Structures are given as C-alpha cells and as structure tokens.
C-alpha cells in the first residue's frame, strides 16, 4: 500500500443535492419528497431521529425510573492552593472576581471551592464557599485567612398562616 491509494474513493468535497432545478436533474418537481403525505410539505422533519416507522418508540416502551438532581445541582469553581501561590502576591484577597481577572477560572459558577493540592508560602485572604481541611490548614499555616462566604438562604416552604381558633 502506498500513499496514492489511501484516498481513493473518498470524496472530500461532495456536492450537495440541488433540488427543484427542473425535470432533467432528476430532483425536480417534488424534489425527492414524493406525492402528498405527511412529509411532502415544508416544515416536516424526515427522518425524525426517534421515529420507528409507526411502532411504539423506544423512549415510550422503556420504564421511567429514578430521579435526577440536575436542575438543582450546583457548579463550583475548583482552585488548588498551589495555583493561588503562583498567581497571587502576599497580602492580596482571593475571590471569584480576582480569579476570573487572573484567568484561573472561566465561566459562571455557583461558588468557589479551595482544595489543598500544592504548597503556599505567602499570606493571602481567601474568600470561598468551601475549603477542604488541608487547604484551610495550609492557608492558616502561611498566616492567611479563610473567609467562608455564606450560601443563599433556604426558602420558607410553608407560607400558610395558621388558622385562628373559632371562639364559641
């Protein structure tokens, strides 16, 4: 086998099907959609990715079980103590805004977690939602301060006022 036969039969620049360009093209008039029917007019999706020819589709045949916490899941930015040592000078304050400004994190997060991988040799004030035990120990050993940012308050579930007892 040599390099001249590697790409034989591979069409890298395949031209798209040009429909509606006259009867001589083979794709004129109905443009390959046939006559009448559900999928002949514009706006129809064919083939639908989950369509199984009229039989009961798989997503309806399978039982639905379980529960997912997806809508309530929190996404935290994770930073290690070694990264703080590399990007911050002594006496600086570390929080979500300063981490984004330095390029350590990118995107939107529900909070900040500081983990204890690496070494820290400077005094920093770290404001985060959660500290691991080793991270807290390393920050305090270097003379820094760990400030825990409180999360949002839990919603009050029962908003109904208790009924007053009727006097007779």
N, C-alpha and C. Protein backbone atom coordinates (compact mmCIF):
# COMPACT_ATOMS: atom_id res chain seq x y z
N UNK A 1 0.84 -1.19 0.00
CA UNK A 1 0.00 0.00 0.00
C UNK A 1 0.88 1.25 0.00
N UNK A 2 0.56 2.19 -0.87
CA UNK A 2 1.29 3.44 -0.89
C UNK A 2 0.31 4.62 -0.75
N UNK A 3 0.83 5.80 -0.61
CA UNK A 3 0.02 6.98 -0.32
C UNK A 3 -0.91 7.38 -1.47
N UNK A 4 -0.67 6.88 -2.68
CA UNK A 4 -1.55 7.25 -3.78
C UNK A 4 -2.89 6.55 -3.71
N UNK A 5 -2.96 5.43 -3.00
CA UNK A 5 -4.21 4.67 -2.93
C UNK A 5 -4.98 4.91 -1.63
N UNK A 6 -4.44 5.72 -0.75
CA UNK A 6 -5.09 5.93 0.55
C UNK A 6 -6.44 6.60 0.39
N UNK A 7 -6.52 7.61 -0.45
CA UNK A 7 -7.74 8.40 -0.53
C UNK A 7 -8.60 8.05 -1.74
N UNK A 8 -8.38 6.90 -2.36
CA UNK A 8 -9.22 6.51 -3.48
C UNK A 8 -10.63 6.22 -3.01
N UNK A 9 -11.60 6.76 -3.68
CA UNK A 9 -13.00 6.53 -3.30
C UNK A 9 -13.51 7.48 -2.23
N UNK A 10 -12.66 8.34 -1.71
CA UNK A 10 -13.08 9.29 -0.68
C UNK A 10 -13.33 10.63 -1.36
N UNK A 11 -14.56 11.11 -1.25
CA UNK A 11 -14.90 12.39 -1.86
C UNK A 11 -14.93 13.45 -0.77
N UNK A 12 -13.89 14.22 -0.67
CA UNK A 12 -13.80 15.21 0.39
C UNK A 12 -14.71 16.40 0.12
N UNK A 13 -14.95 16.68 -1.13
CA UNK A 13 -15.77 17.84 -1.47
C UNK A 13 -17.03 17.38 -2.19
N UNK A 14 -17.86 16.64 -1.49
CA UNK A 14 -19.08 16.13 -2.08
C UNK A 14 -20.07 17.28 -2.23
N UNK A 15 -20.64 17.39 -3.43
CA UNK A 15 -21.56 18.48 -3.69
C UNK A 15 -22.92 18.15 -3.10
N UNK A 16 -23.64 19.17 -2.63
CA UNK A 16 -24.95 18.95 -2.05
C UNK A 16 -25.97 18.67 -3.14
N UNK A 17 -27.05 17.99 -2.76
CA UNK A 17 -28.12 17.69 -3.70
C UNK A 17 -28.90 18.97 -3.98
N UNK A 18 -28.93 19.40 -5.26
CA UNK A 18 -29.64 20.61 -5.63
C UNK A 18 -31.01 20.21 -6.14
N UNK A 19 -32.03 20.44 -5.31
CA UNK A 19 -33.38 20.03 -5.66
C UNK A 19 -34.16 21.22 -6.23
N UNK A 20 -35.20 20.89 -6.97
CA UNK A 20 -36.05 21.94 -7.53
C UNK A 20 -35.41 22.67 -8.68
N UNK A 21 -34.57 21.99 -9.47
CA UNK A 21 -33.87 22.64 -10.57
C UNK A 21 -34.29 22.05 -11.92
N UNK A 22 -35.54 21.62 -12.02
CA UNK A 22 -36.04 21.15 -13.30
C UNK A 22 -36.09 19.64 -13.40
N UNK A 23 -36.89 19.17 -14.38
CA UNK A 23 -37.13 17.74 -14.51
C UNK A 23 -35.89 16.99 -14.97
N UNK A 24 -35.01 17.65 -15.70
CA UNK A 24 -33.82 16.99 -16.22
C UNK A 24 -32.82 16.61 -15.14
N UNK A 25 -32.89 17.24 -13.99
CA UNK A 25 -31.93 16.95 -12.93
C UNK A 25 -32.25 15.67 -12.19
N UNK A 26 -33.50 15.20 -12.29
CA UNK A 26 -33.91 14.02 -11.53
C UNK A 26 -34.44 14.38 -10.16
N UNK A 27 -34.27 15.64 -9.76
CA UNK A 27 -34.77 16.09 -8.46
C UNK A 27 -35.64 17.33 -8.64
N UNK A 28 -36.40 17.35 -9.70
CA UNK A 28 -37.28 18.48 -9.94
C UNK A 28 -38.67 18.20 -9.40
N UNK A 29 -39.59 19.07 -9.68
CA UNK A 29 -40.99 18.95 -9.28
C UNK A 29 -41.15 18.69 -7.80
N UNK A 30 -41.24 17.43 -7.36
CA UNK A 30 -41.49 17.16 -5.93
C UNK A 30 -40.20 17.13 -5.11
N UNK A 31 -39.07 17.26 -5.75
CA UNK A 31 -37.77 17.39 -5.07
C UNK A 31 -37.43 16.18 -4.19
N UNK A 32 -37.83 15.01 -4.60
CA UNK A 32 -37.49 13.81 -3.83
C UNK A 32 -38.39 13.54 -2.66
N UNK A 33 -39.48 14.33 -2.51
CA UNK A 33 -40.37 14.15 -1.36
C UNK A 33 -41.59 13.28 -1.67
N UNK A 34 -41.78 12.91 -2.90
CA UNK A 34 -42.94 12.11 -3.27
C UNK A 34 -44.19 12.96 -3.41
N UNK A 35 -45.34 12.28 -3.58
CA UNK A 35 -46.59 12.98 -3.76
C UNK A 35 -47.41 12.92 -2.48
N UNK A 36 -47.99 14.02 -2.08
CA UNK A 36 -48.83 14.12 -0.89
C UNK A 36 -48.13 13.54 0.33
N UNK A 37 -48.88 13.18 1.33
CA UNK A 37 -48.29 12.57 2.51
C UNK A 37 -47.81 13.58 3.53
N UNK A 38 -47.52 13.06 4.71
CA UNK A 38 -47.17 13.90 5.86
C UNK A 38 -45.87 14.66 5.63
N UNK A 39 -44.92 14.04 4.95
CA UNK A 39 -43.58 14.63 4.86
C UNK A 39 -43.32 15.32 3.53
N UNK A 40 -44.38 15.54 2.73
CA UNK A 40 -44.16 16.15 1.42
C UNK A 40 -44.07 17.66 1.50
N UNK A 41 -44.68 18.26 2.52
CA UNK A 41 -44.69 19.73 2.58
C UNK A 41 -43.57 20.26 3.46
N UNK A 42 -43.37 21.56 3.37
CA UNK A 42 -42.31 22.19 4.14
C UNK A 42 -42.65 22.17 5.62
N UNK A 43 -41.63 22.15 6.45
CA UNK A 43 -41.83 22.17 7.90
C UNK A 43 -41.86 20.80 8.52
N UNK A 44 -41.83 19.75 7.71
CA UNK A 44 -41.85 18.39 8.27
C UNK A 44 -40.43 17.91 8.47
N UNK A 45 -40.22 17.16 9.54
CA UNK A 45 -38.88 16.62 9.82
C UNK A 45 -38.86 15.16 9.39
N UNK A 46 -38.11 14.86 8.39
CA UNK A 46 -37.96 13.46 7.98
C UNK A 46 -36.51 13.21 7.64
N UNK A 47 -35.87 12.18 8.12
CA UNK A 47 -36.44 11.27 9.11
C UNK A 47 -36.26 11.84 10.51
N UNK A 48 -37.28 11.76 11.33
CA UNK A 48 -37.17 12.19 12.72
C UNK A 48 -36.22 11.23 13.43
N UNK A 49 -35.29 11.71 14.24
CA UNK A 49 -34.27 10.84 14.80
C UNK A 49 -34.82 9.70 15.67
N UNK A 50 -36.01 9.89 16.29
CA UNK A 50 -36.56 8.84 17.15
C UNK A 50 -37.75 8.12 16.52
N UNK A 51 -38.02 8.41 15.25
CA UNK A 51 -39.18 7.79 14.61
C UNK A 51 -38.85 6.34 14.25
N UNK A 52 -39.76 5.42 14.56
CA UNK A 52 -39.52 4.00 14.33
C UNK A 52 -40.57 3.40 13.41
N UNK A 53 -41.04 4.16 12.43
CA UNK A 53 -41.94 3.61 11.45
C UNK A 53 -43.33 3.36 11.95
N UNK A 54 -43.77 4.02 12.98
CA UNK A 54 -45.13 3.86 13.47
C UNK A 54 -45.25 2.95 14.66
N UNK A 55 -44.23 2.11 14.93
CA UNK A 55 -44.31 1.29 16.14
C UNK A 55 -44.01 2.16 17.35
N UNK A 56 -44.36 1.66 18.53
CA UNK A 56 -44.17 2.44 19.75
C UNK A 56 -42.68 2.74 19.94
N UNK A 57 -42.27 4.00 20.02
CA UNK A 57 -40.85 4.31 20.09
C UNK A 57 -40.21 3.83 21.38
N UNK A 58 -38.90 3.65 21.32
CA UNK A 58 -38.16 3.07 22.44
C UNK A 58 -38.30 3.91 23.70
N UNK A 59 -38.29 5.23 23.58
CA UNK A 59 -38.35 6.07 24.78
C UNK A 59 -39.71 5.96 25.45
N UNK A 60 -40.73 5.47 24.76
CA UNK A 60 -42.03 5.24 25.40
C UNK A 60 -42.18 3.81 25.87
N UNK A 61 -41.42 2.88 25.30
CA UNK A 61 -41.51 1.48 25.72
C UNK A 61 -40.76 1.22 27.01
N UNK A 62 -39.68 1.96 27.25
CA UNK A 62 -38.86 1.72 28.44
C UNK A 62 -39.50 2.33 29.67
N UNK A 63 -39.34 1.68 30.83
CA UNK A 63 -39.92 2.24 32.05
C UNK A 63 -39.14 3.47 32.51
N UNK A 64 -39.84 4.37 33.14
CA UNK A 64 -39.21 5.59 33.66
C UNK A 64 -38.97 5.38 35.15
N UNK A 65 -37.72 5.41 35.55
CA UNK A 65 -37.40 5.19 36.96
C UNK A 65 -36.37 6.21 37.40
N UNK A 66 -36.37 6.44 38.70
CA UNK A 66 -35.31 7.26 39.27
C UNK A 66 -35.64 8.73 39.30
N UNK A 67 -34.67 9.46 39.75
CA UNK A 67 -34.82 10.89 39.97
C UNK A 67 -33.46 11.53 39.71
N UNK A 68 -33.44 12.67 39.10
CA UNK A 68 -32.17 13.36 38.86
C UNK A 68 -32.19 14.72 39.56
N UNK A 69 -31.06 15.11 40.07
CA UNK A 69 -30.94 16.39 40.75
C UNK A 69 -30.38 17.46 39.81
N UNK A 70 -30.38 17.18 38.52
CA UNK A 70 -29.81 18.09 37.54
C UNK A 70 -30.23 19.54 37.66
N UNK A 71 -31.53 19.83 37.76
CA UNK A 71 -31.93 21.24 37.82
C UNK A 71 -31.44 21.97 39.07
N UNK A 72 -31.15 21.23 40.14
CA UNK A 72 -30.75 21.86 41.40
C UNK A 72 -29.26 21.72 41.67
N UNK A 73 -28.54 21.07 40.76
CA UNK A 73 -27.12 20.81 41.01
C UNK A 73 -26.33 22.11 40.97
N UNK A 74 -25.38 22.23 41.87
CA UNK A 74 -24.52 23.42 41.93
C UNK A 74 -23.21 23.14 41.22
N UNK A 75 -22.71 24.14 40.50
CA UNK A 75 -21.44 24.02 39.80
C UNK A 75 -20.44 24.97 40.45
N UNK A 76 -19.39 24.38 41.02
CA UNK A 76 -18.40 25.15 41.76
C UNK A 76 -17.11 25.27 40.95
N UNK A 77 -16.47 26.42 41.06
CA UNK A 77 -15.13 26.60 40.51
C UNK A 77 -14.15 26.00 41.51
N UNK A 78 -13.23 25.19 41.03
CA UNK A 78 -12.29 24.50 41.92
C UNK A 78 -10.90 25.06 41.67
N UNK A 79 -10.25 25.48 42.77
CA UNK A 79 -8.91 26.04 42.69
C UNK A 79 -8.06 25.38 43.77
N UNK A 80 -6.83 25.07 43.44
CA UNK A 80 -5.90 24.48 44.41
C UNK A 80 -5.02 25.54 45.03
N UNK A 81 -4.49 25.22 46.20
CA UNK A 81 -3.64 26.16 46.95
C UNK A 81 -2.37 26.48 46.16
N UNK A 82 -1.84 25.50 45.44
CA UNK A 82 -0.64 25.74 44.63
C UNK A 82 -0.86 26.77 43.54
N UNK A 83 -2.07 26.80 42.97
CA UNK A 83 -2.38 27.80 41.94
C UNK A 83 -2.43 29.20 42.55
N UNK A 84 -2.96 29.30 43.77
CA UNK A 84 -3.01 30.61 44.45
C UNK A 84 -1.61 31.12 44.70
N UNK A 85 -0.71 30.21 45.04
CA UNK A 85 0.68 30.59 45.31
C UNK A 85 1.35 31.14 44.05
N UNK A 86 0.98 30.61 42.89
CA UNK A 86 1.62 31.02 41.64
C UNK A 86 1.06 32.33 41.10
N UNK A 87 -0.20 32.64 41.37
CA UNK A 87 -0.85 33.77 40.72
C UNK A 87 -1.07 34.99 41.61
N UNK A 88 -0.88 34.86 42.92
CA UNK A 88 -1.17 35.97 43.82
C UNK A 88 0.04 36.33 44.66
N UNK A 89 0.16 37.63 44.97
CA UNK A 89 1.24 38.13 45.83
C UNK A 89 0.77 38.15 47.28
N UNK A 90 1.70 38.30 48.19
CA UNK A 90 1.38 38.31 49.62
C UNK A 90 0.47 39.49 49.95
N UNK A 91 -0.54 39.23 50.78
CA UNK A 91 -1.45 40.27 51.25
C UNK A 91 -2.65 40.50 50.35
N UNK A 92 -2.76 39.82 49.23
CA UNK A 92 -3.89 40.03 48.32
C UNK A 92 -5.11 39.23 48.76
N UNK A 93 -6.27 39.67 48.26
CA UNK A 93 -7.53 38.98 48.54
C UNK A 93 -7.89 38.12 47.34
N UNK A 94 -8.27 36.87 47.62
CA UNK A 94 -8.64 35.92 46.57
C UNK A 94 -10.14 35.67 46.66
N UNK A 95 -10.87 35.93 45.56
CA UNK A 95 -12.29 35.60 45.48
C UNK A 95 -12.61 35.28 44.02
N UNK A 96 -13.89 35.04 43.71
CA UNK A 96 -14.27 34.67 42.34
C UNK A 96 -13.88 35.74 41.32
N UNK A 97 -14.05 37.02 41.69
CA UNK A 97 -13.76 38.09 40.75
C UNK A 97 -12.26 38.18 40.44
N UNK A 98 -11.42 38.07 41.46
CA UNK A 98 -9.97 38.16 41.22
C UNK A 98 -9.46 36.94 40.47
N UNK A 99 -10.06 35.78 40.72
CA UNK A 99 -9.65 34.58 39.99
C UNK A 99 -10.00 34.69 38.52
N UNK A 100 -11.17 35.27 38.20
CA UNK A 100 -11.54 35.47 36.80
C UNK A 100 -10.62 36.50 36.14
N UNK A 101 -10.26 37.53 36.88
CA UNK A 101 -9.38 38.57 36.33
C UNK A 101 -8.00 38.01 36.01
N UNK A 102 -7.51 37.07 36.82
CA UNK A 102 -6.19 36.47 36.59
C UNK A 102 -6.23 35.33 35.57
N UNK A 103 -7.43 34.90 35.17
CA UNK A 103 -7.55 33.84 34.17
C UNK A 103 -7.48 32.44 34.74
N UNK A 104 -7.63 32.29 36.05
CA UNK A 104 -7.60 30.95 36.65
C UNK A 104 -8.89 30.19 36.41
N UNK A 105 -10.01 30.90 36.35
CA UNK A 105 -11.29 30.25 36.07
C UNK A 105 -11.99 31.01 34.95
N UNK A 106 -12.87 30.28 34.26
CA UNK A 106 -13.60 30.88 33.15
C UNK A 106 -15.01 30.34 33.16
N UNK A 107 -16.00 31.20 33.04
CA UNK A 107 -17.38 30.77 33.03
C UNK A 107 -18.14 31.28 34.24
N UNK A 108 -19.36 30.78 34.41
CA UNK A 108 -20.18 31.17 35.55
C UNK A 108 -20.30 30.00 36.51
N UNK A 109 -20.24 30.28 37.78
CA UNK A 109 -20.26 29.24 38.81
C UNK A 109 -21.17 29.67 39.95
N UNK A 110 -21.63 28.68 40.72
CA UNK A 110 -22.45 28.94 41.88
C UNK A 110 -21.61 29.24 43.11
N UNK A 111 -20.34 28.93 43.07
CA UNK A 111 -19.49 29.17 44.23
C UNK A 111 -18.05 28.79 43.94
N UNK A 112 -17.22 28.88 44.98
CA UNK A 112 -15.79 28.59 44.85
C UNK A 112 -15.38 27.58 45.91
N UNK A 113 -14.64 26.55 45.49
CA UNK A 113 -14.09 25.55 46.41
C UNK A 113 -12.57 25.63 46.31
N UNK A 114 -11.93 25.64 47.46
CA UNK A 114 -10.47 25.67 47.50
C UNK A 114 -10.00 24.32 48.03
N UNK A 115 -9.13 23.65 47.25
CA UNK A 115 -8.59 22.35 47.63
C UNK A 115 -7.11 22.49 47.97
N UNK A 116 -6.57 21.49 48.64
CA UNK A 116 -5.24 21.62 49.24
C UNK A 116 -4.08 21.06 48.46
N UNK A 117 -4.15 20.93 47.14
CA UNK A 117 -3.03 20.41 46.36
C UNK A 117 -2.01 21.52 46.13
N UNK A 118 -0.75 21.26 46.44
CA UNK A 118 0.31 22.24 46.26
C UNK A 118 0.71 22.87 47.59
N UNK A 119 1.66 23.79 47.51
CA UNK A 119 2.18 24.47 48.70
C UNK A 119 1.88 25.96 48.64
N UNK A 120 1.78 26.58 49.81
CA UNK A 120 1.52 28.01 49.90
C UNK A 120 2.53 28.62 50.85
N UNK A 121 3.25 29.66 50.38
CA UNK A 121 4.28 30.29 51.22
C UNK A 121 4.06 31.78 51.39
N UNK A 122 2.83 32.25 51.15
CA UNK A 122 2.55 33.68 51.33
C UNK A 122 1.19 33.86 51.99
N UNK A 123 1.03 35.00 52.64
CA UNK A 123 -0.19 35.28 53.40
C UNK A 123 -1.25 35.83 52.45
N UNK A 124 -2.38 35.12 52.36
CA UNK A 124 -3.48 35.53 51.50
C UNK A 124 -4.79 35.53 52.28
N UNK A 125 -5.70 36.40 51.87
CA UNK A 125 -7.06 36.37 52.39
C UNK A 125 -7.93 35.71 51.33
N UNK A 126 -8.41 34.51 51.63
CA UNK A 126 -9.15 33.73 50.64
C UNK A 126 -10.62 33.72 51.03
N UNK A 127 -11.48 34.18 50.12
CA UNK A 127 -12.93 34.18 50.33
C UNK A 127 -13.53 33.13 49.41
N UNK A 128 -14.10 32.08 50.01
CA UNK A 128 -14.67 30.99 49.21
C UNK A 128 -15.88 30.41 49.92
N UNK A 129 -16.63 29.58 49.19
CA UNK A 129 -17.81 28.95 49.76
C UNK A 129 -17.46 27.67 50.50
N UNK A 130 -16.31 27.06 50.16
CA UNK A 130 -15.93 25.82 50.81
C UNK A 130 -14.41 25.66 50.78
N UNK A 131 -13.84 25.18 51.88
CA UNK A 131 -12.42 24.88 51.97
C UNK A 131 -12.26 23.42 52.38
N UNK A 132 -11.33 22.71 51.73
CA UNK A 132 -11.01 21.39 52.24
C UNK A 132 -10.17 21.56 53.50
N UNK A 133 -10.08 20.51 54.30
CA UNK A 133 -9.35 20.60 55.58
C UNK A 133 -7.88 20.90 55.35
N UNK A 134 -7.28 20.27 54.33
CA UNK A 134 -5.85 20.51 54.06
C UNK A 134 -5.63 21.92 53.53
N UNK A 135 -6.55 22.43 52.69
CA UNK A 135 -6.40 23.78 52.17
C UNK A 135 -6.49 24.80 53.30
N UNK A 136 -7.44 24.61 54.19
CA UNK A 136 -7.60 25.54 55.31
C UNK A 136 -6.36 25.53 56.20
N UNK A 137 -5.81 24.33 56.44
CA UNK A 137 -4.61 24.22 57.27
C UNK A 137 -3.42 24.91 56.60
N UNK A 138 -3.24 24.74 55.30
CA UNK A 138 -2.10 25.34 54.60
C UNK A 138 -2.21 26.87 54.54
N UNK A 139 -3.42 27.36 54.34
CA UNK A 139 -3.60 28.83 54.27
C UNK A 139 -3.34 29.45 55.63
N UNK A 140 -3.85 28.84 56.68
CA UNK A 140 -3.64 29.39 58.03
C UNK A 140 -2.20 29.22 58.50
N UNK A 141 -1.52 28.15 58.06
CA UNK A 141 -0.12 27.95 58.41
C UNK A 141 0.76 29.03 57.79
N UNK A 142 0.38 29.50 56.59
CA UNK A 142 1.14 30.55 55.92
C UNK A 142 0.78 31.94 56.46
N UNK A 143 -0.14 32.01 57.42
CA UNK A 143 -0.52 33.29 58.01
C UNK A 143 -1.72 33.94 57.33
N UNK A 144 -2.39 33.21 56.46
CA UNK A 144 -3.53 33.76 55.74
C UNK A 144 -4.84 33.58 56.49
N UNK A 145 -5.91 34.05 55.89
CA UNK A 145 -7.24 34.00 56.50
C UNK A 145 -8.19 33.30 55.53
N UNK A 146 -8.99 32.37 56.06
CA UNK A 146 -10.03 31.69 55.28
C UNK A 146 -11.38 32.28 55.65
N UNK A 147 -12.00 32.98 54.72
CA UNK A 147 -13.33 33.55 54.96
C UNK A 147 -14.36 32.75 54.18
N UNK A 148 -15.32 32.17 54.90
CA UNK A 148 -16.36 31.38 54.26
C UNK A 148 -17.51 32.30 53.85
N UNK A 149 -17.85 32.27 52.57
CA UNK A 149 -18.97 33.06 52.06
C UNK A 149 -20.23 32.25 52.29
N UNK A 150 -21.22 32.80 52.99
CA UNK A 150 -22.44 32.02 53.22
C UNK A 150 -23.23 31.87 51.93
N UNK A 151 -23.88 30.70 51.80
CA UNK A 151 -24.71 30.43 50.63
C UNK A 151 -26.04 31.15 50.74
N UNK A 152 -26.90 31.00 49.74
CA UNK A 152 -28.21 31.64 49.81
C UNK A 152 -29.08 31.02 50.89
N UNK A 153 -29.99 31.82 51.44
CA UNK A 153 -30.88 31.30 52.48
C UNK A 153 -31.84 30.30 51.87
N UNK A 154 -32.20 29.30 52.66
CA UNK A 154 -33.15 28.31 52.20
C UNK A 154 -34.54 28.94 52.16
N UNK A 155 -35.33 28.62 51.15
CA UNK A 155 -36.66 29.23 51.06
C UNK A 155 -37.59 28.71 52.14
N UNK A 156 -38.52 29.57 52.53
CA UNK A 156 -39.52 29.17 53.51
C UNK A 156 -40.55 28.34 52.78
N UNK A 157 -40.71 27.09 53.19
CA UNK A 157 -41.59 26.18 52.47
C UNK A 157 -43.07 26.44 52.77
N UNK A 158 -43.43 26.59 54.05
CA UNK A 158 -44.82 26.73 54.42
C UNK A 158 -45.14 28.21 54.61
N UNK A 159 -45.87 28.76 53.67
CA UNK A 159 -46.21 30.18 53.77
C UNK A 159 -47.63 30.39 54.26
N UNK A 160 -48.31 29.29 54.59
CA UNK A 160 -49.68 29.43 55.07
C UNK A 160 -49.67 29.87 56.53
N UNK A 161 -50.53 30.79 56.85
CA UNK A 161 -50.63 31.24 58.23
C UNK A 161 -51.52 30.26 58.99
N UNK A 162 -51.18 29.99 60.23
CA UNK A 162 -52.04 29.08 60.99
C UNK A 162 -53.42 29.72 61.21
N UNK A 163 -54.42 28.87 61.16
CA UNK A 163 -55.79 29.36 61.31
C UNK A 163 -56.05 29.71 62.77
N UNK A 164 -56.83 30.75 62.94
CA UNK A 164 -57.20 31.12 64.31
C UNK A 164 -58.32 30.22 64.78
N UNK A 165 -58.27 29.87 66.05
CA UNK A 165 -59.31 29.01 66.61
C UNK A 165 -60.61 29.82 66.72
N UNK A 166 -61.71 29.17 66.36
CA UNK A 166 -63.00 29.84 66.43
C UNK A 166 -63.46 29.89 67.89
N UNK A 167 -63.88 31.04 68.30
CA UNK A 167 -64.39 31.17 69.67
C UNK A 167 -65.91 30.93 69.66
N UNK A 168 -66.38 30.19 70.64
CA UNK A 168 -67.82 29.90 70.70
C UNK A 168 -68.49 30.66 71.78
